[in-house]
Amino acid sequence: QVQLVESGGGLVQAGGSLRLSCAASGRTVGTYLMGWFRQAPGKERGFVATIRWNGGSTSYTDSVKDRFTISRDNTKNTVYLQMNSLKPEDTAVYYCTTQIRRGAHYTYWGQGTQVTVSS
């Protein structure tokens, strides 16, 4: 019903920057928010950031505040994550997610994109 495709991951040195993109397609009417989670090997998948589609209110996990910025382009059904001052502990697979509210609530996930930060 909804497809999410992430891009922009890669290898970067500590202190560097990276910009992730996630484009949504399919039945996107009723999108409530989009956001990012991440998962490192042996760790649980954890929350990174979300943005409300209507209004643009944002939420961040404490460890990325002041370093990451989430934004969106409603026309393109695309969400971005600007990642600055990257640290080795940011290394993970980053997953895009969308929550759609259309009578019922639906959650979809992208395939993930690898971010590796070297020290």
PDB file of N, CA and C in Angstrom:
ATOM      1  N   GLN A   1       0.829  -1.214   0.000  1.00  0.00           N
ATOM      2  CA  GLN A   1       0.000   0.000   0.000  1.00  0.00           C
ATOM      3  C   GLN A   1       0.857   1.255   0.000  1.00  0.00           C
ATOM      4  N   VAL A   2       1.889   1.287   0.845  1.00  0.00           N
ATOM      5  CA  VAL A   2       2.824   2.403   0.924  1.00  0.00           C
ATOM      6  C   VAL A   2       4.237   1.856   0.846  1.00  0.00           C
ATOM      7  N   GLN A   3       5.046   2.492   0.034  1.00  0.00           N
ATOM      8  CA  GLN A   3       6.443   2.122  -0.103  1.00  0.00           C
ATOM      9  C   GLN A   3       7.327   3.274   0.347  1.00  0.00           C
ATOM     10  N   LEU A   4       8.372   2.954   1.107  1.00  0.00           N
ATOM     11  CA  LEU A   4       9.321   3.939   1.589  1.00  0.00           C
ATOM     12  C   LEU A   4      10.709   3.545   1.098  1.00  0.00           C
ATOM     13  N   VAL A   5      11.398   4.485   0.474  1.00  0.00           N
ATOM     14  CA  VAL A   5      12.726   4.227  -0.056  1.00  0.00           C
ATOM     15  C   VAL A   5      13.702   5.233   0.525  1.00  0.00           C
ATOM     16  N   GLU A   6      14.675   4.733   1.313  1.00  0.00           N
ATOM     17  CA  GLU A   6      15.683   5.582   1.914  1.00  0.00           C
ATOM     18  C   GLU A   6      16.905   5.678   1.015  1.00  0.00           C
ATOM     19  N   SER A   7      17.625   6.784   1.143  1.00  0.00           N
ATOM     20  CA  SER A   7      18.879   6.963   0.438  1.00  0.00           C
ATOM     21  C   SER A   7      19.747   7.940   1.218  1.00  0.00           C
ATOM     22  N   GLY A   8      21.030   7.985   0.890  1.00  0.00           N
ATOM     23  CA  GLY A   8      21.938   8.948   1.486  1.00  0.00           C
ATOM     24  C   GLY A   8      22.892   8.388   2.520  1.00  0.00           C
ATOM     25  N   GLY A   9      22.747   7.125   2.882  1.00  0.00           N
ATOM     26  CA  GLY A   9      23.656   6.526   3.831  1.00  0.00           C
ATOM     27  C   GLY A   9      25.033   6.338   3.233  1.00  0.00           C
ATOM     28  N   GLY A  10      26.000   6.048   4.104  1.00  0.00           N
ATOM     29  CA  GLY A  10      27.352   5.842   3.634  1.00  0.00           C
ATOM     30  C   GLY A  10      28.351   5.881   4.759  1.00  0.00           C
ATOM     31  N   LEU A  11      29.617   6.005   4.391  1.00  0.00           N
ATOM     32  CA  LEU A  11      30.730   6.045   5.331  1.00  0.00           C
ATOM     33  C   LEU A  11      31.225   7.473   5.474  1.00  0.00           C
ATOM     34  N   VAL A  12      31.371   7.928   6.709  1.00  0.00           N
ATOM     35  CA  VAL A  12      31.821   9.286   6.972  1.00  0.00           C
ATOM     36  C   VAL A  12      32.706   9.293   8.211  1.00  0.00           C
ATOM     37  N   GLN A  13      33.650  10.227   8.264  1.00  0.00           N
ATOM     38  CA  GLN A  13      34.514  10.360   9.429  1.00  0.00           C
ATOM     39  C   GLN A  13      33.800  11.087  10.559  1.00  0.00           C
ATOM     40  N   ALA A  14      34.214  10.803  11.788  1.00  0.00           N
ATOM     41  CA  ALA A  14      33.657  11.494  12.939  1.00  0.00           C
ATOM     42  C   ALA A  14      33.775  13.002  12.757  1.00  0.00           C
ATOM     43  N   GLY A  15      32.698  13.706  13.086  1.00  0.00           N
ATOM     44  CA  GLY A  15      32.645  15.143  12.901  1.00  0.00           C
ATOM     45  C   GLY A  15      32.062  15.564  11.572  1.00  0.00           C
ATOM     46  N   GLY A  16      31.885  14.621  10.668  1.00  0.00           N
ATOM     47  CA  GLY A  16      31.351  14.914   9.352  1.00  0.00           C
ATOM     48  C   GLY A  16      29.836  14.965   9.336  1.00  0.00           C
ATOM     49  N   SER A  17      29.287  15.140   8.130  1.00  0.00           N
ATOM     50  CA  SER A  17      27.849  15.289   7.955  1.00  0.00           C
ATOM     51  C   SER A  17      27.326  14.345   6.883  1.00  0.00           C
ATOM     52  N   LEU A  18      26.038  14.044   6.988  1.00  0.00           N
ATOM     53  CA  LEU A  18      25.363  13.191   6.035  1.00  0.00           C
ATOM     54  C   LEU A  18      23.897  13.605   6.007  1.00  0.00           C
ATOM     55  N   ARG A  19      23.269  13.494   4.847  1.00  0.00           N
ATOM     56  CA  ARG A  19      21.856  13.824   4.717  1.00  0.00           C
ATOM     57  C   ARG A  19      21.096  12.623   4.178  1.00  0.00           C
ATOM     58  N   LEU A  20      20.158  12.104   4.965  1.00  0.00           N
ATOM     59  CA  LEU A  20      19.329  10.983   4.558  1.00  0.00           C
ATOM     60  C   LEU A  20      18.021  11.489   3.964  1.00  0.00           C
ATOM     61  N   SER A  21      17.516  10.765   2.975  1.00  0.00           N
ATOM     62  CA  SER A  21      16.235  11.074   2.362  1.00  0.00           C
ATOM     63  C   SER A  21      15.351   9.842   2.383  1.00  0.00           C
ATOM     64  N   CYS A  22      14.046  10.055   2.457  1.00  0.00           N
ATOM     65  CA  CYS A  22      13.074   8.971   2.408  1.00  0.00           C
ATOM     66  C   CYS A  22      11.864   9.435   1.624  1.00  0.00           C
ATOM     67  N   ALA A  23      11.613   8.800   0.493  1.00  0.00           N
ATOM     68  CA  ALA A  23      10.488   9.138  -0.366  1.00  0.00           C
ATOM     69  C   ALA A  23       9.376   8.110  -0.199  1.00  0.00           C
ATOM     70  N   ALA A  24       8.162   8.598   0.033  1.00  0.00           N
ATOM     71  CA  ALA A  24       6.996   7.737   0.189  1.00  0.00           C
ATOM     72  C   ALA A  24       6.158   7.739  -1.079  1.00  0.00           C
ATOM     73  N   SER A  25       5.620   6.579  -1.420  1.00  0.00           N
ATOM     74  CA  SER A  25       4.732   6.467  -2.570  1.00  0.00           C
ATOM     75  C   SER A  25       3.607   5.493  -2.246  1.00  0.00           C
ATOM     76  N   GLY A  26       2.567   5.499  -3.066  1.00  0.00           N
ATOM     77  CA  GLY A  26       1.413   4.653  -2.830  1.00  0.00           C
ATOM     78  C   GLY A  26       0.298   5.428  -2.153  1.00  0.00           C
ATOM     79  N   ARG A  27      -0.407   4.768  -1.227  1.00  0.00           N
ATOM     80  CA  ARG A  27      -1.552   5.372  -0.559  1.00  0.00           C
ATOM     81  C   ARG A  27      -1.090   6.205   0.636  1.00  0.00           C
ATOM     82  N   THR A  28      -0.610   7.410   0.346  1.00  0.00           N
ATOM     83  CA  THR A  28      -0.052   8.283   1.375  1.00  0.00           C
ATOM     84  C   THR A  28      -1.059   9.271   1.958  1.00  0.00           C
ATOM     85  N   VAL A  29      -2.272   9.313   1.434  1.00  0.00           N
ATOM     86  CA  VAL A  29      -3.287  10.207   1.982  1.00  0.00           C
ATOM     87  C   VAL A  29      -3.558   9.827   3.435  1.00  0.00           C
ATOM     88  N   GLY A  30      -3.572  10.834   4.316  1.00  0.00           N
ATOM     89  CA  GLY A  30      -3.784  10.603   5.723  1.00  0.00           C
ATOM     90  C   GLY A  30      -2.502  10.490   6.534  1.00  0.00           C
ATOM     91  N   THR A  31      -1.364  10.820   5.936  1.00  0.00           N
ATOM     92  CA  THR A  31      -0.092  10.764   6.649  1.00  0.00           C
ATOM     93  C   THR A  31      -0.132  11.676   7.876  1.00  0.00           C
ATOM     94  N   TYR A  32       0.180  11.103   9.037  1.00  0.00           N
ATOM     95  CA  TYR A  32       0.174  11.850  10.287  1.00  0.00           C
ATOM     96  C   TYR A  32       1.583  12.315  10.650  1.00  0.00           C
ATOM     97  N   LEU A  33       2.548  11.427  10.488  1.00  0.00           N
ATOM     98  CA  LEU A  33       3.936  11.785  10.730  1.00  0.00           C
ATOM     99  C   LEU A  33       4.851  10.874   9.930  1.00  0.00           C
ATOM    100  N   MET A  34       6.081  11.327   9.760  1.00  0.00           N
ATOM    101  CA  MET A  34       7.143  10.486   9.248  1.00  0.00           C
ATOM    102  C   MET A  34       8.348  10.658  10.161  1.00  0.00           C
ATOM    103  N   GLY A  35       9.221   9.671  10.156  1.00  0.00           N
ATOM    104  CA  GLY A  35      10.366   9.776  11.036  1.00  0.00           C
ATOM    105  C   GLY A  35      11.431   8.741  10.772  1.00  0.00           C
ATOM    106  N   TRP A  36      12.391   8.709  11.694  1.00  0.00           N
ATOM    107  CA  TRP A  36      13.560   7.850  11.570  1.00  0.00           C
ATOM    108  C   TRP A  36      13.818   7.087  12.852  1.00  0.00           C
ATOM    109  N   PHE A  37      14.121   5.804  12.707  1.00  0.00           N
ATOM    110  CA  PHE A  37      14.624   4.958  13.771  1.00  0.00           C
ATOM    111  C   PHE A  37      15.972   4.402  13.330  1.00  0.00           C
ATOM    112  N   ARG A  38      16.740   3.864  14.277  1.00  0.00           N
ATOM    113  CA  ARG A  38      18.017   3.270  13.913  1.00  0.00           C
ATOM    114  C   ARG A  38      18.284   2.033  14.754  1.00  0.00           C
ATOM    115  N   GLN A  39      19.102   1.142  14.207  1.00  0.00           N
ATOM    116  CA  GLN A  39      19.418  -0.100  14.886  1.00  0.00           C
ATOM    117  C   GLN A  39      20.872  -0.478  14.631  1.00  0.00           C
ATOM    118  N   ALA A  40      21.638  -0.588  15.709  1.00  0.00           N
ATOM    119  CA  ALA A  40      23.011  -1.050  15.645  1.00  0.00           C
ATOM    120  C   ALA A  40      23.043  -2.549  15.917  1.00  0.00           C
ATOM    121  N   PRO A  41      24.090  -3.261  15.480  1.00  0.00           N
ATOM    122  CA  PRO A  41      24.175  -4.705  15.717  1.00  0.00           C
ATOM    123  C   PRO A  41      24.046  -5.051  17.197  1.00  0.00           C
ATOM    124  N   GLY A  42      23.170  -6.000  17.513  1.00  0.00           N
ATOM    125  CA  GLY A  42      22.971  -6.427  18.882  1.00  0.00           C
ATOM    126  C   GLY A  42      22.138  -5.487  19.725  1.00  0.00           C
ATOM    127  N   LYS A  43      21.617  -4.430  19.133  1.00  0.00           N
ATOM    128  CA  LYS A  43      20.827  -3.446  19.862  1.00  0.00           C
ATOM    129  C   LYS A  43      19.376  -3.464  19.388  1.00  0.00           C
ATOM    130  N   GLU A  44      18.497  -2.936  20.227  1.00  0.00           N
ATOM    131  CA  GLU A  44      17.110  -2.760  19.847  1.00  0.00           C
ATOM    132  C   GLU A  44      16.978  -1.577  18.902  1.00  0.00           C
ATOM    133  N   ARG A  45      15.984  -1.645  18.024  1.00  0.00           N
ATOM    134  CA  ARG A  45      15.698  -0.511  17.167  1.00  0.00           C
ATOM    135  C   ARG A  45      15.188   0.642  18.026  1.00  0.00           C
ATOM    136  N   GLY A  46      15.790   1.820  17.874  1.00  0.00           N
ATOM    137  CA  GLY A  46      15.458   2.951  18.721  1.00  0.00           C
ATOM    138  C   GLY A  46      15.019   4.181  17.948  1.00  0.00           C
ATOM    139  N   PHE A  47      14.242   5.002  18.600  1.00  0.00           N
ATOM    140  CA  PHE A  47      13.716   6.241  18.044  1.00  0.00           C
ATOM    141  C   PHE A  47      14.825   7.258  17.821  1.00  0.00           C
ATOM    142  N   VAL A  48      14.757   7.972  16.699  1.00  0.00           N
ATOM    143  CA  VAL A  48      15.689   9.057  16.414  1.00  0.00           C
ATOM    144  C   VAL A  48      14.950  10.395  16.331  1.00  0.00           C
ATOM    145  N   ALA A  49      14.006  10.503  15.404  1.00  0.00           N
ATOM    146  CA  ALA A  49      13.299  11.761  15.209  1.00  0.00           C
ATOM    147  C   ALA A  49      12.018  11.535  14.430  1.00  0.00           C
ATOM    148  N   THR A  50      11.020  12.388  14.662  1.00  0.00           N
ATOM    149  CA  THR A  50       9.790  12.380  13.883  1.00  0.00           C
ATOM    150  C   THR A  50       9.371  13.810  13.576  1.00  0.00           C
ATOM    151  N   ILE A  51       8.548  13.953  12.551  1.00  0.00           N
ATOM    152  CA  ILE A  51       7.996  15.247  12.183  1.00  0.00           C
ATOM    153  C   ILE A  51       6.535  15.074  11.807  1.00  0.00           C
ATOM    154  N   ARG A  52       5.687  15.921  12.372  1.00  0.00           N
ATOM    155  CA  ARG A  52       4.270  15.915  12.047  1.00  0.00           C
ATOM    156  C   ARG A  52       4.082  16.448  10.641  1.00  0.00           C
ATOM    157  N   TRP A  53       3.259  15.746   9.832  1.00  0.00           N
ATOM    158  CA  TRP A  53       3.060  16.166   8.456  1.00  0.00           C
ATOM    159  C   TRP A  53       2.255  17.448   8.344  1.00  0.00           C
ATOM    160  N   ASN A  54       1.303  17.621   9.219  1.00  0.00           N
ATOM    161  CA  ASN A  54       0.473  18.815   9.258  1.00  0.00           C
ATOM    162  C   ASN A  54       0.962  19.722  10.383  1.00  0.00           C
ATOM    163  N   GLY A  55       1.784  20.709  10.023  1.00  0.00           N
ATOM    164  CA  GLY A  55       2.290  21.650  11.006  1.00  0.00           C
ATOM    165  C   GLY A  55       3.791  21.598  11.204  1.00  0.00           C
ATOM    166  N   GLY A  56       4.380  20.408  11.063  1.00  0.00           N
ATOM    167  CA  GLY A  56       5.824  20.287  11.098  1.00  0.00           C
ATOM    168  C   GLY A  56       6.465  20.207  12.473  1.00  0.00           C
ATOM    169  N   SER A  57       5.687  19.934  13.524  1.00  0.00           N
ATOM    170  CA  SER A  57       6.267  19.777  14.857  1.00  0.00           C
ATOM    171  C   SER A  57       7.240  18.606  14.868  1.00  0.00           C
ATOM    172  N   THR A  58       8.368  18.779  15.554  1.00  0.00           N
ATOM    173  CA  THR A  58       9.420  17.769  15.548  1.00  0.00           C
ATOM    174  C   THR A  58       9.690  17.227  16.939  1.00  0.00           C
ATOM    175  N   SER A  59      10.207  16.002  16.980  1.00  0.00           N
ATOM    176  CA  SER A  59      10.653  15.362  18.209  1.00  0.00           C
ATOM    177  C   SER A  59      11.982  14.675  17.937  1.00  0.00           C
ATOM    178  N   TYR A  60      12.884  14.700  18.932  1.00  0.00           N
ATOM    179  CA  TYR A  60      14.194  14.084  18.802  1.00  0.00           C
ATOM    180  C   TYR A  60      14.538  13.310  20.059  1.00  0.00           C
ATOM    181  N   THR A  61      15.311  12.251  19.895  1.00  0.00           N
ATOM    182  CA  THR A  61      15.894  11.603  21.048  1.00  0.00           C
ATOM    183  C   THR A  61      17.040  12.476  21.554  1.00  0.00           C
ATOM    184  N   ASP A  62      17.295  12.433  22.860  1.00  0.00           N
ATOM    185  CA  ASP A  62      18.252  13.347  23.483  1.00  0.00           C
ATOM    186  C   ASP A  62      19.645  13.274  22.866  1.00  0.00           C
ATOM    187  N   SER A  63      20.077  12.096  22.463  1.00  0.00           N
ATOM    188  CA  SER A  63      21.443  11.919  21.985  1.00  0.00           C
ATOM    189  C   SER A  63      21.725  12.600  20.651  1.00  0.00           C
ATOM    190  N   VAL A  64      20.689  13.019  19.916  1.00  0.00           N
ATOM    191  CA  VAL A  64      20.905  13.664  18.622  1.00  0.00           C
ATOM    192  C   VAL A  64      20.467  15.119  18.601  1.00  0.00           C
ATOM    193  N   LYS A  65      19.884  15.593  19.687  1.00  0.00           N
ATOM    194  CA  LYS A  65      19.471  16.993  19.747  1.00  0.00           C
ATOM    195  C   LYS A  65      20.681  17.899  19.549  1.00  0.00           C
ATOM    196  N   ASP A  66      20.497  18.977  18.819  1.00  0.00           N
ATOM    197  CA  ASP A  66      21.536  19.963  18.493  1.00  0.00           C
ATOM    198  C   ASP A  66      22.501  19.479  17.419  1.00  0.00           C
ATOM    199  N   ARG A  67      22.334  18.239  16.945  1.00  0.00           N
ATOM    200  CA  ARG A  67      23.194  17.728  15.886  1.00  0.00           C
ATOM    201  C   ARG A  67      22.411  17.319  14.640  1.00  0.00           C
ATOM    202  N   PHE A  68      21.222  16.738  14.835  1.00  0.00           N
ATOM    203  CA  PHE A  68      20.398  16.273  13.719  1.00  0.00           C
ATOM    204  C   PHE A  68      19.216  17.202  13.521  1.00  0.00           C
ATOM    205  N   THR A  69      18.763  17.329  12.281  1.00  0.00           N
ATOM    206  CA  THR A  69      17.580  18.106  11.959  1.00  0.00           C
ATOM    207  C   THR A  69      16.698  17.326  10.996  1.00  0.00           C
ATOM    208  N   ILE A  70      15.434  17.115  11.383  1.00  0.00           N
ATOM    209  CA  ILE A  70      14.487  16.442  10.510  1.00  0.00           C
ATOM    210  C   ILE A  70      13.638  17.499   9.810  1.00  0.00           C
ATOM    211  N   SER A  71      13.343  17.276   8.548  1.00  0.00           N
ATOM    212  CA  SER A  71      12.522  18.195   7.779  1.00  0.00           C
ATOM    213  C   SER A  71      11.702  17.405   6.764  1.00  0.00           C
ATOM    214  N   ARG A  72      10.776  18.083   6.121  1.00  0.00           N
ATOM    215  CA  ARG A  72       9.924  17.400   5.163  1.00  0.00           C
ATOM    216  C   ARG A  72       9.583  18.289   3.979  1.00  0.00           C
ATOM    217  N   ASP A  73       9.232  17.667   2.873  1.00  0.00           N
ATOM    218  CA  ASP A  73       8.707  18.329   1.695  1.00  0.00           C
ATOM    219  C   ASP A  73       7.373  17.657   1.400  1.00  0.00           C
ATOM    220  N   ASN A  74       6.274  18.309   1.807  1.00  0.00           N
ATOM    221  CA  ASN A  74       4.949  17.720   1.665  1.00  0.00           C
ATOM    222  C   ASN A  74       4.595  17.436   0.206  1.00  0.00           C
ATOM    223  N   THR A  75       5.018  18.341  -0.681  1.00  0.00           N
ATOM    224  CA  THR A  75       4.715  18.178  -2.100  1.00  0.00           C
ATOM    225  C   THR A  75       5.335  16.912  -2.665  1.00  0.00           C
ATOM    226  N   LYS A  76       6.536  16.583  -2.196  1.00  0.00           N
ATOM    227  CA  LYS A  76       7.258  15.421  -2.703  1.00  0.00           C
ATOM    228  C   LYS A  76       7.091  14.177  -1.839  1.00  0.00           C
ATOM    229  N   ASN A  77       6.304  14.279  -0.758  1.00  0.00           N
ATOM    230  CA  ASN A  77       6.128  13.161   0.180  1.00  0.00           C
ATOM    231  C   ASN A  77       7.479  12.593   0.618  1.00  0.00           C
ATOM    232  N   THR A  78       8.364  13.498   0.983  1.00  0.00           N
ATOM    233  CA  THR A  78       9.725  13.125   1.320  1.00  0.00           C
ATOM    234  C   THR A  78      10.126  13.716   2.668  1.00  0.00           C
ATOM    235  N   VAL A  79      10.814  12.914   3.467  1.00  0.00           N
ATOM    236  CA  VAL A  79      11.352  13.366   4.738  1.00  0.00           C
ATOM    237  C   VAL A  79      12.870  13.267   4.682  1.00  0.00           C
ATOM    238  N   TYR A  80      13.548  14.194   5.366  1.00  0.00           N
ATOM    239  CA  TYR A  80      14.999  14.256   5.364  1.00  0.00           C
ATOM    240  C   TYR A  80      15.534  14.213   6.787  1.00  0.00           C
ATOM    241  N   LEU A  81      16.757  13.757   6.928  1.00  0.00           N
ATOM    242  CA  LEU A  81      17.453  13.825   8.207  1.00  0.00           C
ATOM    243  C   LEU A  81      18.849  14.360   7.952  1.00  0.00           C
ATOM    244  N   GLN A  82      19.079  15.618   8.326  1.00  0.00           N
ATOM    245  CA  GLN A  82      20.399  16.219   8.225  1.00  0.00           C
ATOM    246  C   GLN A  82      21.178  15.860   9.485  1.00  0.00           C
ATOM    247  N   MET A  83      22.289  15.175   9.310  1.00  0.00           N
ATOM    248  CA  MET A  83      23.078  14.665  10.418  1.00  0.00           C
ATOM    249  C   MET A  83      24.434  15.368  10.427  1.00  0.00           C
ATOM    250  N   ASN A  84      24.676  16.187  11.436  1.00  0.00           N
ATOM    251  CA  ASN A  84      25.931  16.912  11.578  1.00  0.00           C
ATOM    252  C   ASN A  84      26.687  16.434  12.811  1.00  0.00           C
ATOM    253  N   SER A  85      27.970  16.750  12.858  1.00  0.00           N
ATOM    254  CA  SER A  85      28.824  16.379  13.994  1.00  0.00           C
ATOM    255  C   SER A  85      28.671  14.907  14.349  1.00  0.00           C
ATOM    256  N   LEU A  86      28.745  14.060  13.346  1.00  0.00           N
ATOM    257  CA  LEU A  86      28.506  12.633  13.536  1.00  0.00           C
ATOM    258  C   LEU A  86      29.558  12.002  14.445  1.00  0.00           C
ATOM    259  N   LYS A  87      29.106  11.047  15.255  1.00  0.00           N
ATOM    260  CA  LYS A  87      29.943  10.322  16.190  1.00  0.00           C
ATOM    261  C   LYS A  87      29.921   8.840  15.851  1.00  0.00           C
ATOM    262  N   PRO A  88      30.964   8.095  16.229  1.00  0.00           N
ATOM    263  CA  PRO A  88      30.965   6.649  15.971  1.00  0.00           C
ATOM    264  C   PRO A  88      29.728   5.943  16.531  1.00  0.00           C
ATOM    265  N   GLU A  89      29.198   6.412  17.642  1.00  0.00           N
ATOM    266  CA  GLU A  89      28.014   5.796  18.223  1.00  0.00           C
ATOM    267  C   GLU A  89      26.743   6.025  17.409  1.00  0.00           C
ATOM    268  N   ASP A  90      26.812   6.876  16.389  1.00  0.00           N
ATOM    269  CA  ASP A  90      25.691   7.044  15.469  1.00  0.00           C
ATOM    270  C   ASP A  90      25.643   5.942  14.414  1.00  0.00           C
ATOM    271  N   THR A  91      26.669   5.110  14.356  1.00  0.00           N
ATOM    272  CA  THR A  91      26.716   4.027  13.382  1.00  0.00           C
ATOM    273  C   THR A  91      25.547   3.071  13.587  1.00  0.00           C
ATOM    274  N   ALA A  92      24.760   2.864  12.539  1.00  0.00           N
ATOM    275  CA  ALA A  92      23.579   2.011  12.616  1.00  0.00           C
ATOM    276  C   ALA A  92      22.928   1.931  11.242  1.00  0.00           C
ATOM    277  N   VAL A  93      21.960   1.036  11.127  1.00  0.00           N
ATOM    278  CA  VAL A  93      21.056   1.058   9.987  1.00  0.00           C
ATOM    279  C   VAL A  93      19.913   1.997  10.341  1.00  0.00           C
ATOM    280  N   TYR A  94      19.669   2.962   9.495  1.00  0.00           N
ATOM    281  CA  TYR A  94      18.621   3.948   9.724  1.00  0.00           C
ATOM    282  C   TYR A  94      17.390   3.588   8.906  1.00  0.00           C
ATOM    283  N   TYR A  95      16.241   3.501   9.587  1.00  0.00           N
ATOM    284  CA  TYR A  95      14.989   3.107   8.966  1.00  0.00           C
ATOM    285  C   TYR A  95      14.005   4.271   8.947  1.00  0.00           C
ATOM    286  N   CYS A  96      13.403   4.495   7.812  1.00  0.00           N
ATOM    287  CA  CYS A  96      12.348   5.485   7.668  1.00  0.00           C
ATOM    288  C   CYS A  96      11.009   4.847   8.028  1.00  0.00           C
ATOM    289  N   THR A  97      10.139   5.618   8.672  1.00  0.00           N
ATOM    290  CA  THR A  97       8.812   5.121   9.022  1.00  0.00           C
ATOM    291  C   THR A  97       7.766   6.190   8.761  1.00  0.00           C
ATOM    292  N   THR A  98       6.553   5.752   8.481  1.00  0.00           N
ATOM    293  CA  THR A  98       5.428   6.667   8.344  1.00  0.00           C
ATOM    294  C   THR A  98       4.236   6.100   9.092  1.00  0.00           C
ATOM    295  N   GLN A  99       3.479   6.965   9.729  1.00  0.00           N
ATOM    296  CA  GLN A  99       2.241   6.595  10.386  1.00  0.00           C
ATOM    297  C   GLN A  99       1.101   7.294   9.669  1.00  0.00           C
ATOM    298  N   ILE A 100       0.165   6.496   9.173  1.00  0.00           N
ATOM    299  CA  ILE A 100      -0.980   6.999   8.435  1.00  0.00           C
ATOM    300  C   ILE A 100      -2.240   6.766   9.255  1.00  0.00           C
ATOM    301  N   ARG A 101      -3.066   7.799   9.370  1.00  0.00           N
ATOM    302  CA  ARG A 101      -4.326   7.708  10.104  1.00  0.00           C
ATOM    303  C   ARG A 101      -5.471   7.941   9.125  1.00  0.00           C
ATOM    304  N   ARG A 102      -6.176   6.849   8.809  1.00  0.00           N
ATOM    305  CA  ARG A 102      -7.240   6.879   7.812  1.00  0.00           C
ATOM    306  C   ARG A 102      -8.336   5.906   8.257  1.00  0.00           C
ATOM    307  N   GLY A 103      -9.022   6.275   9.339  1.00  0.00           N
ATOM    308  CA  GLY A 103      -9.957   5.379  10.001  1.00  0.00           C
ATOM    309  C   GLY A 103      -9.210   4.555  11.027  1.00  0.00           C
ATOM    310  N   ALA A 104      -8.395   3.660  10.566  1.00  0.00           N
ATOM    311  CA  ALA A 104      -7.463   2.925  11.397  1.00  0.00           C
ATOM    312  C   ALA A 104      -6.085   3.569  11.292  1.00  0.00           C
ATOM    313  N   HIS A 105      -5.146   3.100  12.104  1.00  0.00           N
ATOM    314  CA  HIS A 105      -3.772   3.578  12.074  1.00  0.00           C
ATOM    315  C   HIS A 105      -2.901   2.538  11.406  1.00  0.00           C
ATOM    316  N   TYR A 106      -2.029   2.991  10.502  1.00  0.00           N
ATOM    317  CA  TYR A 106      -1.139   2.108   9.763  1.00  0.00           C
ATOM    318  C   TYR A 106       0.292   2.608   9.891  1.00  0.00           C
ATOM    319  N   THR A 107       1.227   1.686  10.062  1.00  0.00           N
ATOM    320  CA  THR A 107       2.638   2.013  10.152  1.00  0.00           C
ATOM    321  C   THR A 107       3.403   1.233   9.095  1.00  0.00           C
ATOM    322  N   TYR A 108       4.293   1.927   8.400  1.00  0.00           N
ATOM    323  CA  TYR A 108       5.103   1.319   7.354  1.00  0.00           C
ATOM    324  C   TYR A 108       6.569   1.633   7.598  1.00  0.00           C
ATOM    325  N   TRP A 109       7.429   0.746   7.105  1.00  0.00           N
ATOM    326  CA  TRP A 109       8.871   0.875   7.280  1.00  0.00           C
ATOM    327  C   TRP A 109       9.593   0.751   5.958  1.00  0.00           C
ATOM    328  N   GLY A 110      10.682   1.496   5.821  1.00  0.00           N
ATOM    329  CA  GLY A 110      11.563   1.348   4.683  1.00  0.00           C
ATOM    330  C   GLY A 110      12.533   0.201   4.889  1.00  0.00           C
ATOM    331  N   GLN A 111      13.387  -0.020   3.907  1.00  0.00           N
ATOM    332  CA  GLN A 111      14.315  -1.147   3.944  1.00  0.00           C
ATOM    333  C   GLN A 111      15.567  -0.864   4.764  1.00  0.00           C
ATOM    334  N   GLY A 112      15.822   0.398   5.058  1.00  0.00           N
ATOM    335  CA  GLY A 112      16.971   0.790   5.846  1.00  0.00           C
ATOM    336  C   GLY A 112      18.152   1.214   5.001  1.00  0.00           C
ATOM    337  N   THR A 113      18.957   2.121   5.538  1.00  0.00           N
ATOM    338  CA  THR A 113      20.185   2.556   4.889  1.00  0.00           C
ATOM    339  C   THR A 113      21.294   2.615   5.927  1.00  0.00           C
ATOM    340  N   GLN A 114      22.463   2.086   5.566  1.00  0.00           N
ATOM    341  CA  GLN A 114      23.572   1.966   6.505  1.00  0.00           C
ATOM    342  C   GLN A 114      24.312   3.285   6.645  1.00  0.00           C
ATOM    343  N   VAL A 115      24.540   3.691   7.886  1.00  0.00           N
ATOM    344  CA  VAL A 115      25.380   4.843   8.204  1.00  0.00           C
ATOM    345  C   VAL A 115      26.528   4.352   9.068  1.00  0.00           C
ATOM    346  N   THR A 116      27.752   4.581   8.608  1.00  0.00           N
ATOM    347  CA  THR A 116      28.934   4.164   9.344  1.00  0.00           C
ATOM    348  C   THR A 116      29.819   5.379   9.600  1.00  0.00           C
ATOM    349  N   VAL A 117      30.146   5.616  10.864  1.00  0.00           N
ATOM    350  CA  VAL A 117      30.972   6.754  11.258  1.00  0.00           C
ATOM    351  C   VAL A 117      32.278   6.224  11.833  1.00  0.00           C
ATOM    352  N   SER A 118      33.383   6.566  11.203  1.00  0.00           N
ATOM    353  CA  SER A 118      34.687   6.108  11.647  1.00  0.00           C
ATOM    354  C   SER A 118      35.319   7.128  12.581  1.00  0.00           C
ATOM    355  N   SER A 119      36.143   6.651  13.511  1.00  0.00           N
ATOM    356  CA  SER A 119      36.799   7.520  14.472  1.00  0.00           C
ATOM    357  C   SER A 119      38.142   7.998  13.955  1.00  0.00           C
TER     358      SER A 119
END
